[in-house]
Protein backbone atom coordinates (compact mmCIF):
# COMPACT_ATOMS: atom_id res chain seq x y z
CA MET A 1 -150.87 84.29 72.99
CA LYS A 2 -154.07 86.20 72.60
CA LEU A 3 -157.15 84.40 73.56
CA ALA A 4 -160.77 84.44 72.29
CA LYS A 5 -162.99 85.58 75.02
CA LEU A 6 -165.64 83.09 73.67
CA ALA A 7 -163.55 80.03 74.25
CA LYS A 8 -161.96 80.89 77.53
CA ALA A 9 -164.92 81.97 79.21
CA GLY A 10 -166.76 78.75 78.47
CA ALA A 11 -169.13 79.73 75.80
CA VAL A 12 -169.81 77.26 73.16
CA VAL A 13 -168.63 77.08 69.56
CA ALA A 14 -169.50 74.17 67.25
CA LEU A 15 -170.49 73.03 63.90
CA SER A 16 -173.69 74.49 62.47
CA ALA A 17 -176.47 72.36 60.94
CA VAL A 18 -176.06 74.13 57.64
CA PHE A 19 -172.43 73.33 57.49
CA LEU A 20 -173.00 69.74 58.22
CA ALA A 21 -175.76 69.38 55.61
CA ALA A 22 -173.72 71.04 52.99
CA CYS A 23 -170.68 68.98 53.53
CA GLY A 24 -172.46 65.72 54.10
CA LYS A 25 -170.14 64.68 56.95
CA SER A 26 -171.07 63.37 60.45
CA SER A 27 -169.30 62.29 63.48
CA ASP A 28 -170.98 58.91 62.94
CA ASN A 29 -167.97 57.28 61.21
CA SER A 30 -169.38 53.67 61.24
CA ALA A 31 -170.83 54.49 57.73
CA SER A 32 -167.45 55.16 56.26
CA ASP A 33 -163.69 53.97 56.86
CA LYS A 34 -162.70 57.61 56.84
CA GLN A 35 -161.44 58.93 60.09
CA VAL A 36 -163.41 62.36 60.47
CA LEU A 37 -163.35 64.53 63.47
CA ASN A 38 -165.87 67.22 63.78
CA TRP A 39 -164.56 69.93 66.12
CA SER A 40 -165.93 73.16 67.49
CA GLU A 41 -163.82 76.21 67.43
CA SER A 42 -164.02 79.30 69.65
CA ALA A 43 -163.89 82.18 67.05
CA GLU A 44 -163.02 82.97 63.51
CA LEU A 45 -159.67 82.29 62.18
CA PRO A 46 -157.66 85.53 61.84
CA SER A 47 -154.43 84.51 60.10
CA MET A 48 -152.29 81.65 58.94
CA ASP A 49 -149.05 83.68 58.44
CA LEU A 50 -147.10 82.57 61.42
CA SER A 51 -145.01 85.75 61.48
CA LYS A 52 -148.27 87.89 62.03
CA ALA A 53 -150.53 85.54 64.08
CA THR A 54 -151.14 86.40 67.61
CA ASP A 55 -154.11 84.25 68.89
CA THR A 56 -155.01 80.78 69.94
CA VAL A 57 -157.31 80.06 66.90
CA SER A 58 -154.58 80.83 64.52
CA PHE A 59 -151.74 78.89 66.51
CA ASN A 60 -153.78 75.80 66.92
CA GLN A 61 -154.27 75.65 63.16
CA LEU A 62 -150.64 76.39 62.49
CA ASN A 63 -149.68 73.74 65.04
CA ASN A 64 -151.25 71.13 63.22
CA SER A 65 -150.59 72.15 59.66
CA MET A 66 -147.14 73.30 60.22
CA GLU A 67 -144.10 71.84 61.99
CA GLY A 68 -140.85 73.20 63.49
CA LEU A 69 -137.63 71.73 64.74
CA TYR A 70 -139.59 70.01 67.51
CA ARG A 71 -143.20 69.16 68.46
CA LEU A 72 -144.60 69.41 71.88
CA GLY A 73 -146.19 66.17 73.00
CA LYS A 74 -148.10 65.41 76.22
CA ASN A 75 -147.08 67.58 79.17
CA SER A 76 -145.13 69.73 76.67
CA LYS A 77 -142.53 66.99 76.28
CA ILE A 78 -140.12 67.82 73.47
CA GLU A 79 -140.64 65.35 70.55
CA PRO A 80 -138.88 65.04 67.05
CA GLY A 81 -139.96 67.45 64.46
CA ILE A 82 -137.91 68.51 61.54
CA ALA A 83 -134.82 68.08 63.72
CA THR A 84 -133.40 64.67 64.24
CA LYS A 85 -130.49 65.66 66.30
CA THR A 86 -129.49 68.68 68.44
CA GLU A 87 -126.02 69.55 69.78
CA VAL A 88 -125.54 72.28 72.32
CA SER A 89 -122.13 73.91 73.09
CA ASP A 90 -120.77 73.88 76.47
CA ASP A 91 -121.52 77.46 77.17
CA GLY A 92 -125.20 77.02 76.06
CA LEU A 93 -125.02 79.71 73.30
CA THR A 94 -124.83 77.56 70.10
CA TYR A 95 -127.25 75.07 68.98
CA THR A 96 -126.60 72.86 65.89
CA PHE A 97 -129.68 71.11 64.57
CA THR A 98 -129.39 68.19 62.08
CA LEU A 99 -132.52 68.24 60.03
CA ARG A 100 -134.37 65.28 58.43
CA LYS A 101 -133.85 64.77 54.61
CA ASN A 102 -137.38 63.50 53.88
CA ALA A 103 -139.38 66.50 55.07
CA LYS A 104 -141.46 68.14 52.28
CA TRP A 105 -143.78 71.10 51.86
CA SER A 106 -147.26 70.16 50.61
CA ASN A 107 -146.40 71.49 47.24
CA GLY A 108 -143.49 68.88 47.03
CA ASP A 109 -140.56 71.30 47.83
CA PRO A 110 -138.04 69.88 50.25
CA VAL A 111 -138.00 71.60 53.70
CA THR A 112 -134.48 72.90 54.29
CA ALA A 113 -132.51 74.88 56.74
CA LYS A 114 -132.87 77.93 54.51
CA ASP A 115 -136.54 77.79 55.15
CA PHE A 116 -135.89 78.36 58.97
CA VAL A 117 -133.47 81.13 58.21
CA TYR A 118 -135.88 83.05 56.03
CA SER A 119 -138.77 82.52 58.45
CA TRP A 120 -136.79 83.84 61.43
CA GLN A 121 -135.51 86.75 59.53
CA ARG A 122 -138.93 87.60 58.19
CA THR A 123 -140.58 87.73 61.55
CA ILE A 124 -137.77 89.65 63.23
CA ASP A 125 -137.77 92.28 60.39
CA PRO A 126 -139.51 95.35 61.82
CA LYS A 127 -141.07 95.84 58.36
CA THR A 128 -143.17 92.69 58.82
CA GLY A 129 -144.68 94.09 62.13
CA SER A 130 -144.75 90.84 64.07
CA GLN A 131 -146.18 91.26 67.57
CA TYR A 132 -144.11 88.15 68.45
CA ALA A 133 -140.68 89.30 67.38
CA TYR A 134 -139.79 89.84 71.12
CA LEU A 135 -139.57 86.09 71.61
CA PHE A 136 -136.51 86.14 69.61
CA ASP A 137 -134.63 88.08 72.29
CA GLY A 138 -131.59 86.10 73.11
CA VAL A 139 -130.88 85.14 69.56
CA ALA A 140 -127.68 86.79 68.59
CA ASN A 141 -128.43 90.53 67.29
CA ALA A 142 -132.24 90.05 67.59
CA GLN A 143 -132.74 93.09 69.90
CA ASP A 144 -130.62 95.31 67.70
CA ILE A 145 -132.58 94.23 64.67
CA MET A 146 -135.83 95.03 66.35
CA ASP A 147 -134.35 98.42 67.26
CA GLY A 148 -133.43 98.97 63.73
CA LYS A 149 -129.76 99.10 64.42
CA LYS A 150 -128.97 95.98 62.36
CA GLN A 151 -130.28 94.09 59.41
CA PRO A 152 -132.37 90.87 59.64
CA SER A 153 -129.62 89.13 57.72
CA GLU A 154 -127.46 89.53 60.80
CA LEU A 155 -129.72 87.32 63.11
CA GLY A 156 -127.83 84.46 64.71
CA ILE A 157 -129.18 81.78 62.48
CA LYS A 158 -127.33 80.17 59.69
CA ALA A 159 -127.76 77.32 57.24
CA ASP A 160 -124.89 75.02 56.82
CA GLY A 161 -126.09 73.23 53.76
CA ASP A 162 -129.61 71.96 53.34
CA HIS A 163 -129.86 69.88 56.50
CA LYS A 164 -127.80 71.63 59.12
CA LEU A 165 -129.03 74.62 60.97
CA VAL A 166 -126.87 76.67 63.48
CA VAL A 167 -128.39 79.13 65.98
CA THR A 168 -126.24 81.38 68.03
CA LEU A 169 -127.43 83.11 71.21
CA ASP A 170 -125.97 86.22 72.86
CA LYS A 171 -127.25 84.96 76.27
CA GLN A 172 -128.55 81.66 77.64
CA VAL A 173 -132.22 81.19 77.18
CA PRO A 174 -133.57 78.71 79.88
CA TYR A 175 -136.78 77.98 77.83
CA PHE A 176 -135.16 77.81 74.38
CA LYS A 177 -136.20 74.29 73.37
CA LEU A 178 -139.77 75.00 74.38
CA LEU A 179 -139.72 77.93 72.05
CA MET A 180 -138.63 75.69 69.24
CA GLY A 181 -142.00 73.95 69.41
CA PHE A 182 -143.96 77.18 69.10
CA PRO A 183 -145.38 78.20 65.61
CA VAL A 184 -143.34 81.51 65.47
CA PHE A 185 -140.27 79.51 65.18
CA PHE A 186 -141.52 77.29 62.43
CA PRO A 187 -140.10 77.41 58.84
CA GLN A 188 -141.52 79.36 55.98
CA ASN A 189 -141.16 78.66 52.12
CA GLN A 190 -139.68 81.76 50.61
CA LYS A 191 -140.78 81.13 47.16
CA VAL A 192 -144.38 80.78 48.25
CA VAL A 193 -144.37 83.69 50.55
CA GLU A 194 -142.93 85.98 47.80
CA GLU A 195 -145.36 84.52 45.13
CA TYR A 196 -148.55 85.35 47.12
CA GLY A 197 -147.15 88.59 48.57
CA ASP A 198 -149.81 90.47 50.83
CA LYS A 199 -152.23 87.44 50.19
CA TYR A 200 -149.90 85.17 51.98
CA GLY A 201 -151.59 83.41 54.95
CA THR A 202 -154.92 85.26 54.34
CA ALA A 203 -156.70 82.17 52.80
CA SER A 204 -155.90 78.36 52.68
CA LYS A 205 -154.96 78.55 49.06
CA TYR A 206 -152.32 81.07 49.66
CA MET A 207 -150.21 78.71 51.70
CA VAL A 208 -148.13 75.56 51.73
CA TYR A 209 -147.82 73.25 54.73
CA ASN A 210 -145.21 70.94 56.28
CA GLY A 211 -147.22 69.56 59.15
CA PRO A 212 -149.40 66.51 59.59
CA PHE A 213 -152.35 68.23 57.94
CA VAL A 214 -153.20 70.82 55.19
CA LEU A 215 -155.79 73.69 55.67
CA LYS A 216 -158.72 73.63 53.14
CA ASP A 217 -161.82 75.67 52.55
CA TRP A 218 -160.82 78.70 54.43
CA THR A 219 -161.41 81.96 52.51
CA GLY A 220 -160.04 84.27 55.17
CA THR A 221 -163.34 85.34 56.48
CA ASN A 222 -165.69 82.36 56.44
CA LEU A 223 -166.41 80.41 59.68
CA SER A 224 -165.79 76.87 58.66
CA TRP A 225 -162.61 75.13 57.29
CA THR A 226 -161.03 71.78 57.15
CA LEU A 227 -157.63 70.13 58.16
CA ALA A 228 -156.95 67.31 55.79
CA LYS A 229 -154.22 64.67 56.02
CA ASN A 230 -151.00 65.97 54.45
CA LYS A 231 -149.88 63.34 52.06
CA ASN A 232 -146.40 64.81 51.86
CA TYR A 233 -145.78 64.77 55.67
CA TRP A 234 -142.70 62.77 56.61
CA ASP A 235 -144.43 61.02 59.38
CA LYS A 236 -147.87 60.49 57.72
CA SER A 237 -148.08 56.89 58.89
CA LYS A 238 -148.75 58.07 62.31
CA VAL A 239 -151.53 60.48 61.24
CA LYS A 240 -154.75 58.61 61.57
CA LEU A 241 -157.36 61.28 61.00
CA ASP A 242 -158.33 61.94 57.46
CA GLU A 243 -160.06 65.26 58.15
CA ILE A 244 -160.82 67.61 61.05
CA ASN A 245 -163.87 69.73 60.15
CA TYR A 246 -164.13 73.14 62.08
CA LYS A 247 -167.12 75.39 62.31
CA VAL A 248 -167.69 78.51 64.53
CA ASN A 249 -170.99 78.77 66.13
CA LYS A 250 -171.68 81.33 68.79
CA SER A 251 -174.98 79.91 70.08
CA THR A 252 -174.50 77.50 73.10
CA THR A 253 -177.82 75.98 72.64
CA THR A 254 -177.33 75.08 68.97
CA ALA A 255 -173.84 73.73 69.73
CA TYR A 256 -174.84 71.43 72.56
CA ASN A 257 -177.93 70.18 70.50
CA LEU A 258 -175.48 69.26 67.68
CA TYR A 259 -173.24 67.36 70.23
CA GLN A 260 -176.50 65.53 71.52
CA SER A 261 -177.61 64.61 68.02
CA GLY A 262 -174.22 63.05 67.30
CA LYS A 263 -173.11 65.65 64.76
CA VAL A 264 -170.30 67.04 66.85
CA ASP A 265 -167.57 65.09 68.58
CA ALA A 266 -166.41 67.80 70.91
CA THR A 267 -167.74 71.09 71.98
CA VAL A 268 -166.99 73.68 74.74
CA LEU A 269 -169.89 74.05 77.12
CA GLY A 270 -171.76 77.19 78.24
CA ALA A 271 -171.73 78.09 81.88
CA GLU A 272 -175.12 76.80 82.69
CA GLN A 273 -174.60 73.63 80.71
CA ALA A 274 -171.44 72.97 82.43
CA ARG A 275 -173.15 73.33 85.87
CA GLN A 276 -175.83 70.74 84.67
CA LEU A 277 -173.49 68.24 82.88
CA LYS A 278 -170.55 68.19 85.29
CA GLY A 279 -169.69 64.58 86.14
CA GLN A 280 -171.52 62.99 83.21
CA THR A 281 -169.74 60.75 80.54
CA GLY A 282 -167.80 62.89 78.23
CA TYR A 283 -167.52 65.88 80.60
CA THR A 284 -163.85 67.23 80.80
CA ASP A 285 -162.51 70.26 82.72
CA ARG A 286 -159.46 71.74 80.96
CA LYS A 287 -157.63 74.21 83.19
CA GLU A 288 -155.58 76.43 81.04
CA ALA A 289 -152.37 78.53 81.74
CA SER A 290 -154.40 81.53 80.79
CA VAL A 291 -155.68 84.78 82.45
CA PHE A 292 -158.33 87.14 81.22
CA TYR A 293 -157.85 90.83 82.34
CA LEU A 294 -158.69 94.45 81.56
CA GLN A 295 -156.44 96.74 79.88
CA LEU A 296 -156.96 100.40 80.41
CA ASN A 297 -155.86 102.78 77.67
CA GLU A 298 -153.48 105.11 79.42
CA GLN A 299 -153.63 107.65 76.58
CA LYS A 300 -156.88 108.66 78.58
CA ALA A 301 -155.76 111.00 81.35
CA GLU A 302 -158.06 109.18 83.80
CA PHE A 303 -156.53 105.71 83.12
CA ALA A 304 -152.97 107.09 83.40
CA ASN A 305 -154.01 107.81 87.07
CA THR A 306 -152.92 104.98 89.26
CA LYS A 307 -155.70 105.59 91.89
CA ILE A 308 -158.34 105.36 89.27
CA ARG A 309 -157.09 102.03 88.00
CA GLN A 310 -156.92 100.68 91.40
CA ALA A 311 -160.48 101.91 92.19
CA ILE A 312 -161.75 100.01 89.11
CA SER A 313 -159.99 96.82 90.14
CA LYS A 314 -161.40 96.88 93.67
CA ALA A 315 -164.95 97.60 92.36
CA ILE A 316 -164.91 94.11 90.70
CA ASP A 317 -166.24 91.16 92.74
CA ARG A 318 -164.28 88.47 91.00
CA GLU A 319 -166.01 85.62 92.90
CA GLN A 320 -169.28 86.80 91.62
CA TYR A 321 -167.93 87.41 88.11
CA VAL A 322 -166.86 83.71 88.05
CA LYS A 323 -170.15 82.66 89.57
CA GLN A 324 -172.61 84.63 87.49
CA VAL A 325 -170.81 84.97 84.15
CA LEU A 326 -168.94 81.58 84.14
CA ALA A 327 -171.21 79.50 86.40
CA GLY A 328 -168.10 78.69 88.47
CA ALA A 329 -166.20 77.14 85.54
CA SER A 330 -163.11 79.27 86.12
CA THR A 331 -161.24 80.57 89.20
CA PRO A 332 -160.60 84.34 90.20
CA ALA A 333 -157.22 85.53 89.11
CA LYS A 334 -154.67 85.97 91.87
CA GLY A 335 -152.51 87.95 89.60
CA PHE A 336 -151.32 88.40 85.94
CA VAL A 337 -149.39 85.21 85.79
CA SER A 338 -151.52 82.04 85.84
CA SER A 339 -151.28 79.42 88.65
CA ASP A 340 -149.55 75.92 88.22
CA LEU A 341 -147.42 77.46 85.56
CA ALA A 342 -144.07 77.56 87.54
CA GLU A 343 -142.96 76.85 91.14
CA ARG A 344 -139.67 77.02 92.96
CA ASN A 345 -139.05 75.16 96.14
CA GLY A 346 -142.53 73.79 96.21
CA LYS A 347 -144.03 77.27 96.06
CA ASP A 348 -146.30 78.54 93.09
CA PHE A 349 -145.09 81.51 91.47
CA VAL A 350 -148.66 83.06 91.90
CA ASP A 351 -148.35 82.60 95.70
CA ALA A 352 -144.91 84.01 95.88
CA ALA A 353 -145.98 87.10 93.97
CA TYR A 354 -149.41 87.56 95.41
CA VAL A 355 -150.73 91.10 96.01
CA LYS A 356 -154.03 90.64 97.65
CA SER A 357 -155.22 94.25 97.35
CA ALA A 358 -154.86 94.09 93.57
CA VAL A 359 -157.43 91.51 93.11
CA GLU A 360 -159.60 92.05 96.16
CA TYR A 361 -163.11 93.34 96.06
CA ASN A 362 -163.40 96.22 98.29
CA GLU A 363 -166.25 98.74 97.69
CA LYS A 364 -165.22 101.17 100.47
CA ASP A 365 -161.54 101.48 99.29
CA ALA A 366 -162.72 101.61 95.74
CA LYS A 367 -164.91 104.71 96.44
CA LYS A 368 -162.07 106.38 98.22
CA LEU A 369 -159.48 105.81 95.69
CA PHE A 370 -161.83 106.84 92.89
CA GLU A 371 -162.65 110.28 94.45
CA GLU A 372 -158.92 110.98 95.15
CA GLY A 373 -158.18 109.96 91.58
CA LEU A 374 -160.88 112.29 90.14
CA LYS A 375 -159.44 115.15 92.01
CA GLU A 376 -155.91 114.44 90.96
CA VAL A 377 -157.11 114.54 87.14
CA GLY A 378 -159.34 117.54 87.78
CA GLN A 379 -162.63 115.80 86.70
CA ASP A 380 -165.95 115.34 88.27
CA LYS A 381 -166.99 112.43 86.24
CA ILE A 382 -165.50 110.02 83.72
CA GLU A 383 -166.97 108.28 80.61
CA PHE A 384 -165.56 105.14 79.05
CA SER A 385 -166.64 102.07 76.95
CA ILE A 386 -165.66 98.39 77.76
CA LEU A 387 -164.67 96.46 74.54
CA GLY A 388 -165.33 92.73 74.37
CA ASP A 389 -166.06 89.90 71.96
CA ASP A 390 -169.60 89.42 70.38
CA THR A 391 -170.39 85.99 72.12
CA ASP A 392 -173.06 85.28 74.61
CA THR A 393 -170.69 84.94 77.37
CA SER A 394 -168.59 88.01 76.50
CA LYS A 395 -171.70 90.06 76.56
CA LYS A 396 -172.53 88.76 79.90
CA ALA A 397 -169.07 89.57 81.01
CA THR A 398 -169.02 93.22 79.80
CA GLU A 399 -172.52 93.79 81.19
CA PHE A 400 -171.45 92.56 84.56
CA LEU A 401 -168.45 94.79 84.54
CA GLN A 402 -170.53 97.79 83.61
CA SER A 403 -173.05 97.13 86.26
CA GLU A 404 -170.27 96.58 88.94
CA ILE A 405 -168.44 99.79 88.13
CA THR A 406 -171.64 101.80 87.79
CA GLU A 407 -173.12 100.57 91.07
CA THR A 408 -169.97 101.13 93.04
CA PHE A 409 -169.18 104.77 91.99
CA GLY A 410 -172.74 105.86 90.92
CA SER A 411 -174.03 107.13 87.63
CA ASP A 412 -173.34 110.70 88.57
CA LYS A 413 -169.54 109.83 88.73
CA VAL A 414 -169.02 107.32 85.97
CA LYS A 415 -170.82 106.49 82.74
CA VAL A 416 -169.91 103.03 81.19
CA THR A 417 -171.01 101.75 77.81
CA VAL A 418 -170.16 98.39 76.35
CA SER A 419 -169.18 97.33 72.74
CA ASN A 420 -169.17 93.73 71.77
CA VAL A 421 -167.47 92.96 68.30
CA PRO A 422 -166.25 89.92 66.54
CA PHE A 423 -163.07 88.53 67.90
CA LYS A 424 -160.87 89.44 64.91
CA THR A 425 -162.26 92.99 65.26
CA ARG A 426 -161.50 93.12 68.86
CA LEU A 427 -157.94 92.05 68.22
CA ALA A 428 -157.48 94.73 65.58
CA ARG A 429 -158.93 97.46 67.81
CA THR A 430 -156.73 96.46 70.50
CA GLU A 431 -153.51 96.49 68.39
CA GLN A 432 -154.68 99.84 67.11
CA LYS A 433 -155.17 100.99 70.73
CA ASN A 434 -158.70 101.97 69.56
CA PHE A 435 -160.31 101.31 72.81
CA ASP A 436 -160.99 102.77 76.34
CA VAL A 437 -161.07 99.52 78.46
CA VAL A 438 -160.71 96.08 76.60
CA VAL A 439 -161.16 92.60 77.98
CA SER A 440 -158.08 90.89 76.94
CA GLY A 441 -156.81 87.16 77.37
CA TRP A 442 -153.44 85.66 77.38
CA GLY A 443 -152.27 82.13 77.36
CA ALA A 444 -148.71 81.21 78.31
CA ASP A 445 -146.68 80.42 75.19
CA PHE A 446 -144.38 78.22 77.21
CA ALA A 447 -144.21 77.23 81.07
CA ASP A 448 -142.40 80.19 82.58
CA PRO A 449 -143.67 83.48 84.19
CA ILE A 450 -141.75 85.50 81.71
CA SER A 451 -144.40 84.53 79.03
CA PHE A 452 -146.85 86.74 80.76
CA LEU A 453 -144.49 89.30 82.33
CA ASP A 454 -142.68 90.15 79.07
CA LEU A 455 -146.01 91.64 77.75
CA MET A 456 -146.13 94.47 80.12
CA THR A 457 -142.56 95.95 79.42
CA SER A 458 -142.78 99.47 78.08
CA ASP A 459 -142.11 98.75 74.38
CA ASN A 460 -143.86 95.30 74.05
CA SER A 461 -146.34 95.33 71.28
CA GLN A 462 -148.90 93.46 73.49
CA ASN A 463 -148.90 96.26 76.13
CA ALA A 464 -151.93 97.93 74.43
CA GLY A 465 -152.69 99.98 77.55
CA GLY A 466 -149.44 101.63 77.47
CA TRP A 467 -148.53 101.08 81.20
CA LYS A 468 -144.78 101.78 81.84
CA ASN A 469 -142.59 101.35 84.87
CA GLU A 470 -138.73 101.58 84.69
CA GLU A 471 -138.11 99.34 87.70
CA TYR A 472 -140.43 96.79 86.15
CA ASP A 473 -138.47 96.94 82.84
CA ARG A 474 -135.06 96.66 84.56
CA LEU A 475 -136.14 93.47 86.60
CA ILE A 476 -137.40 91.77 83.36
CA GLU A 477 -134.26 92.72 81.54
CA ALA A 478 -132.15 91.43 84.46
CA SER A 479 -134.13 88.14 84.52
CA LYS A 480 -133.01 87.61 80.73
CA THR A 481 -129.32 88.88 81.19
CA THR A 482 -127.38 89.24 84.40
CA ASP A 483 -129.52 86.80 86.38
CA ALA A 484 -130.46 84.47 83.61
CA ASN A 485 -128.21 81.64 84.85
CA ASP A 486 -128.99 82.19 88.42
CA PRO A 487 -132.44 80.55 89.03
CA ALA A 488 -132.87 82.10 92.58
CA LYS A 489 -132.15 85.63 91.47
CA ARG A 490 -134.11 85.10 88.15
CA TRP A 491 -137.05 83.99 90.16
CA ASP A 492 -136.83 86.96 92.63
CA ASP A 493 -136.68 89.35 89.66
CA LEU A 494 -139.88 88.01 88.23
CA VAL A 495 -141.70 87.82 91.59
CA GLN A 496 -140.73 91.52 92.32
CA ALA A 497 -141.83 92.43 88.81
CA GLU A 498 -145.36 90.86 89.17
CA LYS A 499 -145.79 92.69 92.45
CA ILE A 500 -144.90 96.14 90.96
CA LEU A 501 -147.28 95.30 88.08
CA MET A 502 -150.02 94.42 90.54
CA ASP A 503 -149.35 97.21 93.08
CA ASP A 504 -149.58 99.82 90.10
CA GLN A 505 -152.41 97.99 88.63
CA GLY A 506 -150.81 97.98 85.17
CA VAL A 507 -153.53 95.57 84.23
CA ILE A 508 -156.63 94.38 86.03
CA PRO A 509 -156.65 90.57 86.37
CA LEU A 510 -160.17 89.05 86.30
CA TYR A 511 -160.07 85.17 86.18
CA GLN A 512 -158.03 82.08 85.26
CA SER A 513 -159.74 79.98 82.48
CA THR A 514 -160.87 76.52 82.99
CA LYS A 515 -162.93 75.29 79.89
CA PRO A 516 -165.64 72.81 80.42
CA TRP A 517 -165.99 70.34 77.50
CA MET A 518 -168.09 67.50 76.34
CA VAL A 519 -165.98 65.05 74.31
CA LYS A 520 -167.13 61.82 72.84
CA PRO A 521 -165.39 58.84 74.45
CA SER A 522 -164.55 57.49 70.84
CA VAL A 523 -162.18 60.50 70.41
CA LYS A 524 -158.81 59.25 71.42
CA ASN A 525 -155.21 60.53 71.64
CA VAL A 526 -155.97 64.27 71.40
CA ILE A 527 -153.06 66.10 73.21
CA PHE A 528 -153.95 69.16 75.20
CA ASN A 529 -151.29 71.35 76.74
CA SER A 530 -152.28 74.23 79.15
CA ALA A 531 -149.33 76.29 78.22
CA GLY A 532 -148.15 76.96 74.57
CA VAL A 533 -150.46 75.86 71.61
CA ASN A 534 -153.28 73.90 73.26
CA TYR A 535 -153.98 71.13 70.69
CA ASN A 536 -151.97 68.52 68.87
CA PHE A 537 -154.05 66.34 66.76
CA LYS A 538 -151.16 64.53 64.95
CA GLU A 539 -151.94 61.08 66.54
CA ALA A 540 -155.65 61.53 67.35
CA TYR A 541 -158.22 59.07 66.12
CA ILE A 542 -161.77 57.90 66.28
CA SER A 543 -162.13 54.46 68.03
CA GLY A 544 -164.38 51.88 66.56
CA ASN A 545 -163.36 52.67 62.90
């Protein structure tokens, strides 16, 4: 899923003093029996429409205010959600889910099998414009629906009464159960979606919820909101927190001061703060299955040139990037897929698919390739802007990249400017292909390399740069079809695809994120998963209350 540069680069976001004074709440819960957690967030909340959400902030809110067939517990373990029983046919192509009868929406409506059918059909419908529709590939007729050849009503999902859901696949999907714990596959209340129309999911009041919490006080543009315990949740006895208060703050100094003064329970640290606080009580490193990378808009002739893309990649010293911008809090990327995501026969996918030249700093080769590329496109000089988020760390990142590229090729050969905008704006401009070069981030939606590699197929909506390679597309398709049930062949397909992507520099990987946090020892039972949605607060609590 799309990542906020702010969070993954280690910049701090937290509750502002203004917000805390206004709401009268503090992390000092001793004064009250209420369980209140004050949590810093990485960026603004773009959307609560699960058919249209694309980013970590939105999905973390959806994961805690909504619920699907399963929930993902510690280490992405499948746990009961709305489904109480799952039956799988011998050929692995039919899943029959029995749904619990006591599940309700926050407005009191029952959660039924029809809510899943409606939700899936709405998301897969090209008219909805979901950027996550491709995840339904494998569900019967999904691809034909996305291609406009069949109607959404023909998707392989049917309600057998109110409490039985039948899903038919047209090919086995090895990670199908993990997908069922991802918000894109959660149910939606058709009555509510149709009642609110275009407003649905744009503010907390234009929603209903079926998860442990309900969202409150989010207007769609403000930088603070609250998750409150859902009194209609079927498993509410296990939900200990009464409220989780969120606030975006883009100042690292302010955020850490709030933590020190006891007004914030958990906050991401800035790079220098992480260096100073590492090893102290409450310090936590959270390595994520996420990679930050550059996308180059190939609608520009110079970026359609492979040598220029390769040259820019070689001009970036990733070791220095991590050291100077992130204070060593993350690791240089070895490829597009994150490390520790998948392995075969004891070998990490990243090592099996490693293309050293694609992520290696080499000023001499960079200059040579750049000159050759300029000649091929018939230009003496190129000009472009690097788009990033408007956080302190992101500004440092874009400035570092600007400096590296300019110093390597010379100002007579390249003019680089930077543009730093709010996270929500950066997402919108990326989706509209309104950029030259953009710093993008992606976190695995589930623990499989395909969660990354799918993005760079020719027609994937996340492929904002427009890179295309027929052999790459063929290998990704083979991994899902002819080789889907042969682990060795499927692994090889994905390894070869990654190598093609890196050789051709379809994207320019920068680093894999590790986020340094300070978390109060009193905060217990927060589940963090590196792949998929990061946070599950269902059974979290504040000790000592």
